[in-house]
Amino acid sequence: MQKSRLFKSVGALTLAAMLVAMSVAIGIFCKSFLNFGAGLFRITFENLPIILSGILFGPVVGGAVGIASDLVSYLLSPQIFPPNLIVTAGAAAAGIISGTVGKFIIKEHSVRQVIVAGGLSHLVGSMIIKSIGLFSFYGWAVLWRIPLYLVIAPIEILILCLLYKSRSFMRLIEEIKL
């Protein structure tokens, strides 16, 4: 009886860990320098590595990368209140949704896969779930996040599409043997 493994290689595990680190680094940078309105209006691209992990590895690893990214980011931030688990669920949802699209709906690595996965991940994870979690802090002002993510999501999707059009990126993905 052969055991099922979550990661097919050490390279895949390493890439997933690097995507967590990238998400945390991007989040900390954006929280420090692109933060307007006491955290409510923050221009951030921390979902980009989470969405990529879901597309590359599937919904389980995508969700785990989202959770790990959010919790590590929380641990490294100067916040004094406990982590908002609804916001963490939003980060997990971004990875799970992109992984579900990538593994079960649009299986070939393509620009179409990135657009659908990125769009649905942002809609559900960032615009709906994270906004619900932040409602307790900001009230109805949280609705201003939706137009902000209508700008952020296409930028992240464009960056991911450019990655997928890069031969060297696709060669790296094939070498890791996802």
N, C-alpha and C. Protein backbone atom coordinates (compact mmCIF):
# COMPACT_ATOMS: atom_id res chain seq x y z
N MET A 1 0.84 -1.18 0.00
CA MET A 1 0.00 0.00 0.00
C MET A 1 0.89 1.24 0.00
N GLN A 2 0.71 2.11 -0.99
CA GLN A 2 1.53 3.30 -1.12
C GLN A 2 0.88 4.46 -0.37
N LYS A 3 1.72 5.21 0.36
CA LYS A 3 1.22 6.36 1.10
C LYS A 3 1.01 7.54 0.15
N SER A 4 -0.02 8.30 0.40
CA SER A 4 -0.27 9.52 -0.35
C SER A 4 0.51 10.66 0.29
N ARG A 5 1.21 11.41 -0.53
CA ARG A 5 2.00 12.53 -0.01
C ARG A 5 1.40 13.85 -0.47
N LEU A 6 1.43 14.81 0.42
CA LEU A 6 0.90 16.13 0.09
C LEU A 6 1.80 16.83 -0.92
N PHE A 7 3.11 16.71 -0.73
CA PHE A 7 4.09 17.30 -1.64
C PHE A 7 4.81 16.19 -2.38
N LYS A 8 4.98 16.36 -3.67
CA LYS A 8 5.61 15.32 -4.47
C LYS A 8 7.13 15.38 -4.42
N SER A 9 7.68 16.49 -3.92
CA SER A 9 9.13 16.61 -3.83
C SER A 9 9.49 17.62 -2.75
N VAL A 10 10.76 17.58 -2.38
CA VAL A 10 11.26 18.56 -1.42
C VAL A 10 11.21 19.95 -2.05
N GLY A 11 11.42 20.03 -3.36
CA GLY A 11 11.34 21.31 -4.06
C GLY A 11 9.96 21.94 -3.95
N ALA A 12 8.93 21.10 -4.05
CA ALA A 12 7.55 21.60 -3.93
C ALA A 12 7.29 22.12 -2.52
N LEU A 13 7.75 21.39 -1.52
CA LEU A 13 7.60 21.83 -0.12
C LEU A 13 8.35 23.14 0.11
N THR A 14 9.55 23.24 -0.45
CA THR A 14 10.35 24.45 -0.31
C THR A 14 9.67 25.63 -0.98
N LEU A 15 9.11 25.40 -2.17
CA LEU A 15 8.41 26.49 -2.87
C LEU A 15 7.20 26.96 -2.08
N ALA A 16 6.45 26.04 -1.49
CA ALA A 16 5.29 26.42 -0.68
C ALA A 16 5.74 27.26 0.52
N ALA A 17 6.84 26.87 1.17
CA ALA A 17 7.35 27.65 2.31
C ALA A 17 7.83 29.03 1.85
N MET A 18 8.44 29.09 0.68
CA MET A 18 8.88 30.40 0.16
C MET A 18 7.68 31.29 -0.18
N LEU A 19 6.59 30.69 -0.64
CA LEU A 19 5.39 31.48 -0.92
C LEU A 19 4.79 32.04 0.36
N VAL A 20 4.85 31.28 1.46
CA VAL A 20 4.41 31.80 2.76
C VAL A 20 5.28 33.00 3.13
N ALA A 21 6.60 32.84 3.01
CA ALA A 21 7.52 33.93 3.36
C ALA A 21 7.30 35.16 2.49
N MET A 22 7.04 34.93 1.20
CA MET A 22 6.77 36.06 0.30
C MET A 22 5.51 36.80 0.71
N SER A 23 4.47 36.06 1.03
CA SER A 23 3.21 36.68 1.43
C SER A 23 3.39 37.51 2.70
N VAL A 24 4.12 36.95 3.66
CA VAL A 24 4.38 37.67 4.91
C VAL A 24 5.19 38.94 4.64
N ALA A 25 6.25 38.83 3.84
CA ALA A 25 7.10 39.99 3.55
C ALA A 25 6.32 41.07 2.81
N ILE A 26 5.53 40.67 1.82
CA ILE A 26 4.71 41.64 1.08
C ILE A 26 3.71 42.29 2.02
N GLY A 27 3.08 41.49 2.87
CA GLY A 27 2.09 42.03 3.82
C GLY A 27 2.70 43.03 4.79
N ILE A 28 3.86 42.71 5.34
CA ILE A 28 4.51 43.62 6.28
C ILE A 28 4.92 44.91 5.58
N PHE A 29 5.47 44.80 4.38
CA PHE A 29 5.86 45.99 3.63
C PHE A 29 4.64 46.87 3.36
N CYS A 30 3.58 46.27 2.89
CA CYS A 30 2.38 47.04 2.56
C CYS A 30 1.72 47.64 3.80
N LYS A 31 1.71 46.88 4.91
CA LYS A 31 1.14 47.42 6.14
C LYS A 31 1.95 48.60 6.65
N SER A 32 3.24 48.62 6.36
CA SER A 32 4.10 49.69 6.83
C SER A 32 4.06 50.92 5.93
N PHE A 33 4.01 50.73 4.62
CA PHE A 33 4.19 51.85 3.70
C PHE A 33 2.98 52.19 2.84
N LEU A 34 2.04 51.29 2.70
CA LEU A 34 0.87 51.54 1.85
C LEU A 34 -0.42 51.42 2.65
N ASN A 35 -0.40 51.95 3.86
CA ASN A 35 -1.51 51.83 4.80
C ASN A 35 -2.15 53.20 4.99
N PHE A 36 -3.44 53.28 4.72
CA PHE A 36 -4.17 54.54 4.85
C PHE A 36 -5.43 54.27 5.67
N GLY A 37 -5.77 55.14 6.56
CA GLY A 37 -7.00 54.98 7.33
C GLY A 37 -6.92 53.94 8.42
N ALA A 38 -5.84 53.90 9.16
CA ALA A 38 -5.65 53.01 10.32
C ALA A 38 -5.85 51.53 9.97
N GLY A 39 -5.38 51.13 8.80
CA GLY A 39 -5.43 49.73 8.43
C GLY A 39 -6.59 49.33 7.55
N LEU A 40 -7.59 50.17 7.44
CA LEU A 40 -8.75 49.82 6.63
C LEU A 40 -8.43 49.90 5.14
N PHE A 41 -7.75 50.95 4.75
CA PHE A 41 -7.41 51.16 3.34
C PHE A 41 -5.94 50.83 3.15
N ARG A 42 -5.67 49.59 2.88
CA ARG A 42 -4.29 49.14 2.74
C ARG A 42 -4.14 48.53 1.35
N ILE A 43 -3.20 49.08 0.60
CA ILE A 43 -2.91 48.52 -0.70
C ILE A 43 -1.91 47.40 -0.46
N THR A 44 -2.32 46.17 -0.74
CA THR A 44 -1.48 45.03 -0.45
C THR A 44 -1.62 43.96 -1.53
N PHE A 45 -0.53 43.27 -1.74
CA PHE A 45 -0.51 42.20 -2.73
C PHE A 45 -0.14 40.87 -2.07
N GLU A 46 -0.47 40.73 -0.80
CA GLU A 46 -0.11 39.53 -0.05
C GLU A 46 -0.88 38.30 -0.49
N ASN A 47 -1.99 38.46 -1.20
CA ASN A 47 -2.74 37.31 -1.69
C ASN A 47 -2.11 36.67 -2.91
N LEU A 48 -1.23 37.38 -3.61
CA LEU A 48 -0.62 36.86 -4.82
C LEU A 48 0.09 35.52 -4.57
N PRO A 49 0.98 35.39 -3.57
CA PRO A 49 1.60 34.08 -3.34
C PRO A 49 0.62 33.02 -2.86
N ILE A 50 -0.42 33.43 -2.15
CA ILE A 50 -1.42 32.47 -1.67
C ILE A 50 -2.20 31.89 -2.85
N ILE A 51 -2.62 32.75 -3.76
CA ILE A 51 -3.34 32.29 -4.94
C ILE A 51 -2.44 31.40 -5.80
N LEU A 52 -1.19 31.79 -5.96
CA LEU A 52 -0.25 30.99 -6.73
C LEU A 52 -0.06 29.61 -6.11
N SER A 53 0.03 29.54 -4.79
CA SER A 53 0.20 28.25 -4.13
C SER A 53 -1.00 27.34 -4.36
N GLY A 54 -2.20 27.92 -4.34
CA GLY A 54 -3.39 27.12 -4.62
C GLY A 54 -3.39 26.58 -6.03
N ILE A 55 -3.05 27.43 -7.00
CA ILE A 55 -3.02 27.00 -8.39
C ILE A 55 -1.98 25.90 -8.59
N LEU A 56 -0.82 26.05 -7.98
CA LEU A 56 0.27 25.10 -8.19
C LEU A 56 0.07 23.79 -7.44
N PHE A 57 -0.42 23.85 -6.20
CA PHE A 57 -0.43 22.68 -5.33
C PHE A 57 -1.82 22.14 -4.99
N GLY A 58 -2.86 22.87 -5.29
CA GLY A 58 -4.20 22.40 -4.97
C GLY A 58 -4.79 23.09 -3.75
N PRO A 59 -6.04 22.76 -3.41
CA PRO A 59 -6.76 23.48 -2.37
C PRO A 59 -6.23 23.26 -0.96
N VAL A 60 -5.72 22.08 -0.64
CA VAL A 60 -5.24 21.82 0.73
C VAL A 60 -4.00 22.66 1.02
N VAL A 61 -3.03 22.60 0.14
CA VAL A 61 -1.80 23.37 0.35
C VAL A 61 -2.08 24.86 0.20
N GLY A 62 -2.92 25.24 -0.74
CA GLY A 62 -3.29 26.65 -0.89
C GLY A 62 -3.91 27.20 0.38
N GLY A 63 -4.82 26.45 0.98
CA GLY A 63 -5.43 26.87 2.25
C GLY A 63 -4.42 26.94 3.37
N ALA A 64 -3.52 25.96 3.43
CA ALA A 64 -2.49 25.95 4.47
C ALA A 64 -1.54 27.12 4.32
N VAL A 65 -1.18 27.45 3.09
CA VAL A 65 -0.31 28.61 2.86
C VAL A 65 -1.04 29.89 3.28
N GLY A 66 -2.33 29.99 2.99
CA GLY A 66 -3.11 31.16 3.42
C GLY A 66 -3.15 31.30 4.93
N ILE A 67 -3.41 30.20 5.63
CA ILE A 67 -3.46 30.24 7.09
C ILE A 67 -2.10 30.59 7.67
N ALA A 68 -1.06 29.90 7.19
CA ALA A 68 0.30 30.15 7.71
C ALA A 68 0.72 31.59 7.44
N SER A 69 0.44 32.09 6.26
CA SER A 69 0.80 33.47 5.92
C SER A 69 0.13 34.47 6.85
N ASP A 70 -1.16 34.29 7.08
CA ASP A 70 -1.89 35.23 7.93
C ASP A 70 -1.40 35.16 9.38
N LEU A 71 -1.21 33.96 9.91
CA LEU A 71 -0.80 33.84 11.31
C LEU A 71 0.64 34.29 11.55
N VAL A 72 1.55 33.98 10.62
CA VAL A 72 2.93 34.45 10.77
C VAL A 72 2.97 35.96 10.64
N SER A 73 2.22 36.50 9.71
CA SER A 73 2.14 37.96 9.56
C SER A 73 1.63 38.61 10.84
N TYR A 74 0.62 37.99 11.46
CA TYR A 74 0.10 38.50 12.72
C TYR A 74 1.18 38.47 13.81
N LEU A 75 1.91 37.36 13.89
CA LEU A 75 2.95 37.23 14.93
C LEU A 75 4.06 38.27 14.77
N LEU A 76 4.32 38.68 13.55
CA LEU A 76 5.39 39.65 13.31
C LEU A 76 4.90 41.10 13.34
N SER A 77 3.60 41.30 13.54
CA SER A 77 3.06 42.66 13.57
C SER A 77 2.98 43.14 15.02
N PRO A 78 2.95 44.45 15.22
CA PRO A 78 2.91 44.99 16.58
C PRO A 78 1.51 45.02 17.20
N GLN A 79 0.56 44.27 16.67
CA GLN A 79 -0.81 44.30 17.17
C GLN A 79 -0.89 43.72 18.58
N ILE A 80 -1.77 44.29 19.39
CA ILE A 80 -1.91 43.81 20.76
C ILE A 80 -3.17 42.97 20.95
N PHE A 81 -4.06 42.96 19.98
CA PHE A 81 -5.29 42.19 20.11
C PHE A 81 -5.09 40.82 19.45
N PRO A 82 -5.91 39.84 19.83
CA PRO A 82 -5.74 38.49 19.27
C PRO A 82 -6.03 38.46 17.77
N PRO A 83 -5.52 37.44 17.07
CA PRO A 83 -5.76 37.38 15.62
C PRO A 83 -7.25 37.23 15.32
N ASN A 84 -7.65 37.84 14.24
CA ASN A 84 -9.03 37.75 13.77
C ASN A 84 -9.14 36.50 12.90
N LEU A 85 -9.73 35.46 13.43
CA LEU A 85 -9.78 34.18 12.72
C LEU A 85 -10.68 34.21 11.49
N ILE A 86 -11.58 35.17 11.43
CA ILE A 86 -12.40 35.30 10.21
C ILE A 86 -11.53 35.83 9.08
N VAL A 87 -10.61 36.75 9.38
CA VAL A 87 -9.67 37.24 8.37
C VAL A 87 -8.74 36.11 7.95
N THR A 88 -8.32 35.29 8.92
CA THR A 88 -7.49 34.13 8.59
C THR A 88 -8.25 33.16 7.69
N ALA A 89 -9.54 32.99 7.95
CA ALA A 89 -10.37 32.14 7.09
C ALA A 89 -10.47 32.71 5.68
N GLY A 90 -10.46 34.03 5.56
CA GLY A 90 -10.47 34.67 4.24
C GLY A 90 -9.19 34.37 3.47
N ALA A 91 -8.04 34.40 4.18
CA ALA A 91 -6.77 34.06 3.54
C ALA A 91 -6.77 32.60 3.11
N ALA A 92 -7.29 31.73 3.99
CA ALA A 92 -7.37 30.31 3.64
C ALA A 92 -8.29 30.10 2.44
N ALA A 93 -9.40 30.82 2.42
CA ALA A 93 -10.35 30.69 1.31
C ALA A 93 -9.71 31.07 -0.02
N ALA A 94 -8.86 32.08 -0.01
CA ALA A 94 -8.16 32.48 -1.25
C ALA A 94 -7.34 31.32 -1.80
N GLY A 95 -6.62 30.62 -0.92
CA GLY A 95 -5.83 29.47 -1.36
C GLY A 95 -6.68 28.28 -1.75
N ILE A 96 -7.73 28.03 -0.98
CA ILE A 96 -8.61 26.88 -1.26
C ILE A 96 -9.35 27.07 -2.58
N ILE A 97 -9.86 28.26 -2.80
CA ILE A 97 -10.62 28.52 -4.04
C ILE A 97 -9.71 28.46 -5.25
N SER A 98 -8.54 29.10 -5.17
CA SER A 98 -7.62 29.04 -6.32
C SER A 98 -7.17 27.61 -6.57
N GLY A 99 -6.98 26.84 -5.50
CA GLY A 99 -6.59 25.45 -5.65
C GLY A 99 -7.69 24.60 -6.24
N THR A 100 -8.92 24.87 -5.86
CA THR A 100 -10.06 24.12 -6.40
C THR A 100 -10.22 24.41 -7.89
N VAL A 101 -10.10 25.67 -8.26
CA VAL A 101 -10.18 26.02 -9.68
C VAL A 101 -9.05 25.35 -10.44
N GLY A 102 -7.83 25.43 -9.89
CA GLY A 102 -6.67 24.88 -10.58
C GLY A 102 -6.65 23.36 -10.66
N LYS A 103 -7.20 22.71 -9.69
CA LYS A 103 -7.12 21.24 -9.66
C LYS A 103 -8.34 20.56 -10.26
N PHE A 104 -9.52 21.16 -10.13
CA PHE A 104 -10.73 20.47 -10.52
C PHE A 104 -11.53 21.13 -11.64
N ILE A 105 -11.38 22.43 -11.83
CA ILE A 105 -12.24 23.12 -12.81
C ILE A 105 -11.48 23.40 -14.11
N ILE A 106 -10.37 24.11 -14.02
CA ILE A 106 -9.54 24.41 -15.20
C ILE A 106 -8.18 23.79 -14.91
N LYS A 107 -7.94 22.61 -15.42
CA LYS A 107 -6.79 21.82 -15.00
C LYS A 107 -5.48 22.21 -15.68
N GLU A 108 -5.51 22.77 -16.87
CA GLU A 108 -4.25 23.11 -17.54
C GLU A 108 -3.72 24.44 -17.00
N HIS A 109 -2.39 24.51 -16.80
CA HIS A 109 -1.78 25.76 -16.36
C HIS A 109 -1.87 26.75 -17.51
N SER A 110 -2.72 27.76 -17.34
CA SER A 110 -2.96 28.72 -18.41
C SER A 110 -3.37 30.06 -17.83
N VAL A 111 -3.39 31.05 -18.69
CA VAL A 111 -3.82 32.38 -18.28
C VAL A 111 -5.29 32.35 -17.86
N ARG A 112 -6.10 31.57 -18.54
CA ARG A 112 -7.52 31.45 -18.19
C ARG A 112 -7.69 30.91 -16.77
N GLN A 113 -6.88 29.92 -16.42
CA GLN A 113 -6.90 29.35 -15.07
C GLN A 113 -6.56 30.42 -14.04
N VAL A 114 -5.55 31.23 -14.32
CA VAL A 114 -5.12 32.29 -13.39
C VAL A 114 -6.21 33.34 -13.23
N ILE A 115 -6.84 33.72 -14.31
CA ILE A 115 -7.87 34.76 -14.25
C ILE A 115 -9.07 34.29 -13.42
N VAL A 116 -9.54 33.08 -13.68
CA VAL A 116 -10.70 32.56 -12.95
C VAL A 116 -10.35 32.34 -11.48
N ALA A 117 -9.20 31.69 -11.23
CA ALA A 117 -8.79 31.40 -9.86
C ALA A 117 -8.56 32.69 -9.07
N GLY A 118 -7.86 33.64 -9.67
CA GLY A 118 -7.59 34.91 -8.98
C GLY A 118 -8.84 35.72 -8.73
N GLY A 119 -9.72 35.78 -9.73
CA GLY A 119 -10.95 36.54 -9.57
C GLY A 119 -11.86 35.97 -8.49
N LEU A 120 -12.08 34.66 -8.51
CA LEU A 120 -12.94 34.04 -7.50
C LEU A 120 -12.32 34.11 -6.11
N SER A 121 -10.99 33.94 -6.02
CA SER A 121 -10.30 34.00 -4.73
C SER A 121 -10.46 35.37 -4.09
N HIS A 122 -10.28 36.41 -4.89
CA HIS A 122 -10.43 37.77 -4.36
C HIS A 122 -11.87 38.08 -4.00
N LEU A 123 -12.79 37.65 -4.84
CA LEU A 123 -14.20 37.92 -4.57
C LEU A 123 -14.61 37.31 -3.23
N VAL A 124 -14.35 36.03 -3.06
CA VAL A 124 -14.80 35.34 -1.84
C VAL A 124 -13.88 35.64 -0.66
N GLY A 125 -12.56 35.45 -0.83
CA GLY A 125 -11.63 35.59 0.29
C GLY A 125 -11.45 37.02 0.77
N SER A 126 -11.15 37.92 -0.16
CA SER A 126 -10.82 39.30 0.22
C SER A 126 -12.05 40.19 0.38
N MET A 127 -12.93 40.16 -0.60
CA MET A 127 -14.06 41.09 -0.60
C MET A 127 -15.18 40.66 0.35
N ILE A 128 -15.40 39.37 0.50
CA ILE A 128 -16.52 38.93 1.33
C ILE A 128 -16.05 38.49 2.72
N ILE A 129 -15.24 37.44 2.81
CA ILE A 129 -14.90 36.88 4.12
C ILE A 129 -14.06 37.83 4.96
N LYS A 130 -12.99 38.39 4.38
CA LYS A 130 -12.15 39.31 5.17
C LYS A 130 -12.93 40.56 5.56
N SER A 131 -13.80 41.03 4.69
CA SER A 131 -14.61 42.22 5.03
C SER A 131 -15.55 41.92 6.19
N ILE A 132 -16.11 40.71 6.22
CA ILE A 132 -16.97 40.32 7.35
C ILE A 132 -16.14 40.32 8.64
N GLY A 133 -14.93 39.77 8.57
CA GLY A 133 -14.06 39.74 9.74
C GLY A 133 -13.66 41.12 10.23
N LEU A 134 -13.45 42.05 9.31
CA LEU A 134 -13.04 43.41 9.69
C LEU A 134 -14.21 44.30 10.08
N PHE A 135 -15.43 43.86 9.84
CA PHE A 135 -16.61 44.66 10.17
C PHE A 135 -16.65 45.00 11.66
N SER A 136 -16.24 44.08 12.52
CA SER A 136 -16.28 44.34 13.97
C SER A 136 -15.34 45.48 14.37
N PHE A 137 -14.27 45.71 13.59
CA PHE A 137 -13.33 46.79 13.89
C PHE A 137 -13.74 48.11 13.25
N TYR A 138 -14.22 48.06 12.02
CA TYR A 138 -14.42 49.27 11.23
C TYR A 138 -15.88 49.60 10.92
N GLY A 139 -16.79 48.70 11.21
CA GLY A 139 -18.20 48.96 10.90
C GLY A 139 -18.44 49.01 9.40
N TRP A 140 -19.38 49.83 8.99
CA TRP A 140 -19.77 49.90 7.58
C TRP A 140 -18.70 50.52 6.70
N ALA A 141 -17.70 51.16 7.29
CA ALA A 141 -16.60 51.72 6.50
C ALA A 141 -15.83 50.62 5.76
N VAL A 142 -16.00 49.38 6.22
CA VAL A 142 -15.31 48.25 5.59
C VAL A 142 -15.75 48.06 4.13
N LEU A 143 -16.89 48.59 3.77
CA LEU A 143 -17.37 48.47 2.39
C LEU A 143 -16.45 49.18 1.40
N TRP A 144 -15.64 50.11 1.89
CA TRP A 144 -14.68 50.79 1.01
C TRP A 144 -13.57 49.86 0.54
N ARG A 145 -13.42 48.70 1.19
CA ARG A 145 -12.43 47.72 0.75
C ARG A 145 -12.80 47.11 -0.60
N ILE A 146 -14.08 47.05 -0.89
CA ILE A 146 -14.51 46.40 -2.13
C ILE A 146 -14.01 47.14 -3.37
N PRO A 147 -14.20 48.46 -3.49
CA PRO A 147 -13.63 49.13 -4.67
C PRO A 147 -12.10 49.06 -4.69
N LEU A 148 -11.48 49.04 -3.52
CA LEU A 148 -10.03 48.93 -3.46
C LEU A 148 -9.58 47.60 -4.06
N TYR A 149 -10.28 46.51 -3.72
CA TYR A 149 -9.91 45.21 -4.26
C TYR A 149 -10.33 45.03 -5.71
N LEU A 150 -11.23 45.88 -6.21
CA LEU A 150 -11.53 45.86 -7.64
C LEU A 150 -10.35 46.41 -8.45
N VAL A 151 -9.43 47.08 -7.78
CA VAL A 151 -8.19 47.55 -8.41
C VAL A 151 -7.05 46.58 -8.12
N ILE A 152 -6.93 46.13 -6.87
CA ILE A 152 -5.83 45.24 -6.47
C ILE A 152 -5.91 43.89 -7.18
N ALA A 153 -7.09 43.30 -7.25
CA ALA A 153 -7.25 41.96 -7.84
C ALA A 153 -6.76 41.91 -9.29
N PRO A 154 -7.15 42.85 -10.16
CA PRO A 154 -6.64 42.77 -11.54
C PRO A 154 -5.12 42.95 -11.63
N ILE A 155 -4.55 43.74 -10.73
CA ILE A 155 -3.10 43.90 -10.75
C ILE A 155 -2.42 42.58 -10.38
N GLU A 156 -2.91 41.92 -9.32
CA GLU A 156 -2.34 40.63 -8.94
C GLU A 156 -2.54 39.59 -10.04
N ILE A 157 -3.70 39.57 -10.64
CA ILE A 157 -3.98 38.62 -11.72
C ILE A 157 -3.06 38.88 -12.91
N LEU A 158 -2.84 40.15 -13.23
CA LEU A 158 -1.93 40.50 -14.33
C LEU A 158 -0.51 40.01 -14.03
N ILE A 159 -0.05 40.20 -12.81
CA ILE A 159 1.29 39.74 -12.43
C ILE A 159 1.38 38.22 -12.57
N LEU A 160 0.36 37.50 -12.10
CA LEU A 160 0.36 36.04 -12.22
C LEU A 160 0.30 35.60 -13.69
N CYS A 161 -0.47 36.31 -14.52
CA CYS A 161 -0.52 35.98 -15.95
C CYS A 161 0.84 36.19 -16.60
N LEU A 162 1.53 37.25 -16.23
CA LEU A 162 2.88 37.48 -16.77
C LEU A 162 3.84 36.38 -16.34
N LEU A 163 3.70 35.91 -15.10
CA LEU A 163 4.51 34.77 -14.65
C LEU A 163 4.24 33.54 -15.51
N TYR A 164 2.98 33.28 -15.77
CA TYR A 164 2.63 32.10 -16.55
C TYR A 164 3.07 32.19 -18.00
N LYS A 165 3.27 33.39 -18.50
CA LYS A 165 3.77 33.56 -19.86
C LYS A 165 5.29 33.48 -19.92
N SER A 166 5.93 33.49 -18.77
CA SER A 166 7.40 33.42 -18.70
C SER A 166 7.87 31.98 -18.87
N ARG A 167 8.75 31.75 -19.83
CA ARG A 167 9.27 30.40 -20.05
C ARG A 167 10.08 29.91 -18.86
N SER A 168 10.85 30.80 -18.27
CA SER A 168 11.68 30.37 -17.14
C SER A 168 10.82 29.97 -15.94
N PHE A 169 9.72 30.67 -15.70
CA PHE A 169 8.82 30.30 -14.61
C PHE A 169 8.19 28.94 -14.88
N MET A 170 7.72 28.73 -16.07
CA MET A 170 7.10 27.45 -16.41
C MET A 170 8.12 26.32 -16.35
N ARG A 171 9.36 26.59 -16.74
CA ARG A 171 10.42 25.58 -16.63
C ARG A 171 10.67 25.23 -15.17
N LEU A 172 10.66 26.25 -14.30
CA LEU A 172 10.83 26.02 -12.86
C LEU A 172 9.71 25.14 -12.31
N ILE A 173 8.50 25.41 -12.73
CA ILE A 173 7.36 24.64 -12.27
C ILE A 173 7.49 23.18 -12.72
N GLU A 174 7.92 22.97 -13.94
CA GLU A 174 8.10 21.60 -14.43
C GLU A 174 9.24 20.89 -13.70
N GLU A 175 10.31 21.61 -13.37
CA GLU A 175 11.45 21.00 -12.68
C GLU A 175 11.07 20.56 -11.26
N ILE A 176 10.21 21.31 -10.63
CA ILE A 176 9.80 20.98 -9.26
C ILE A 176 8.92 19.73 -9.28
N LYS A 177 8.33 19.44 -10.41
CA LYS A 177 7.48 18.26 -10.58
C LYS A 177 6.29 18.30 -9.62
N LEU A 178 5.48 19.31 -9.81
CA LEU A 178 4.29 19.46 -8.98
C LEU A 178 3.43 18.30 -9.22
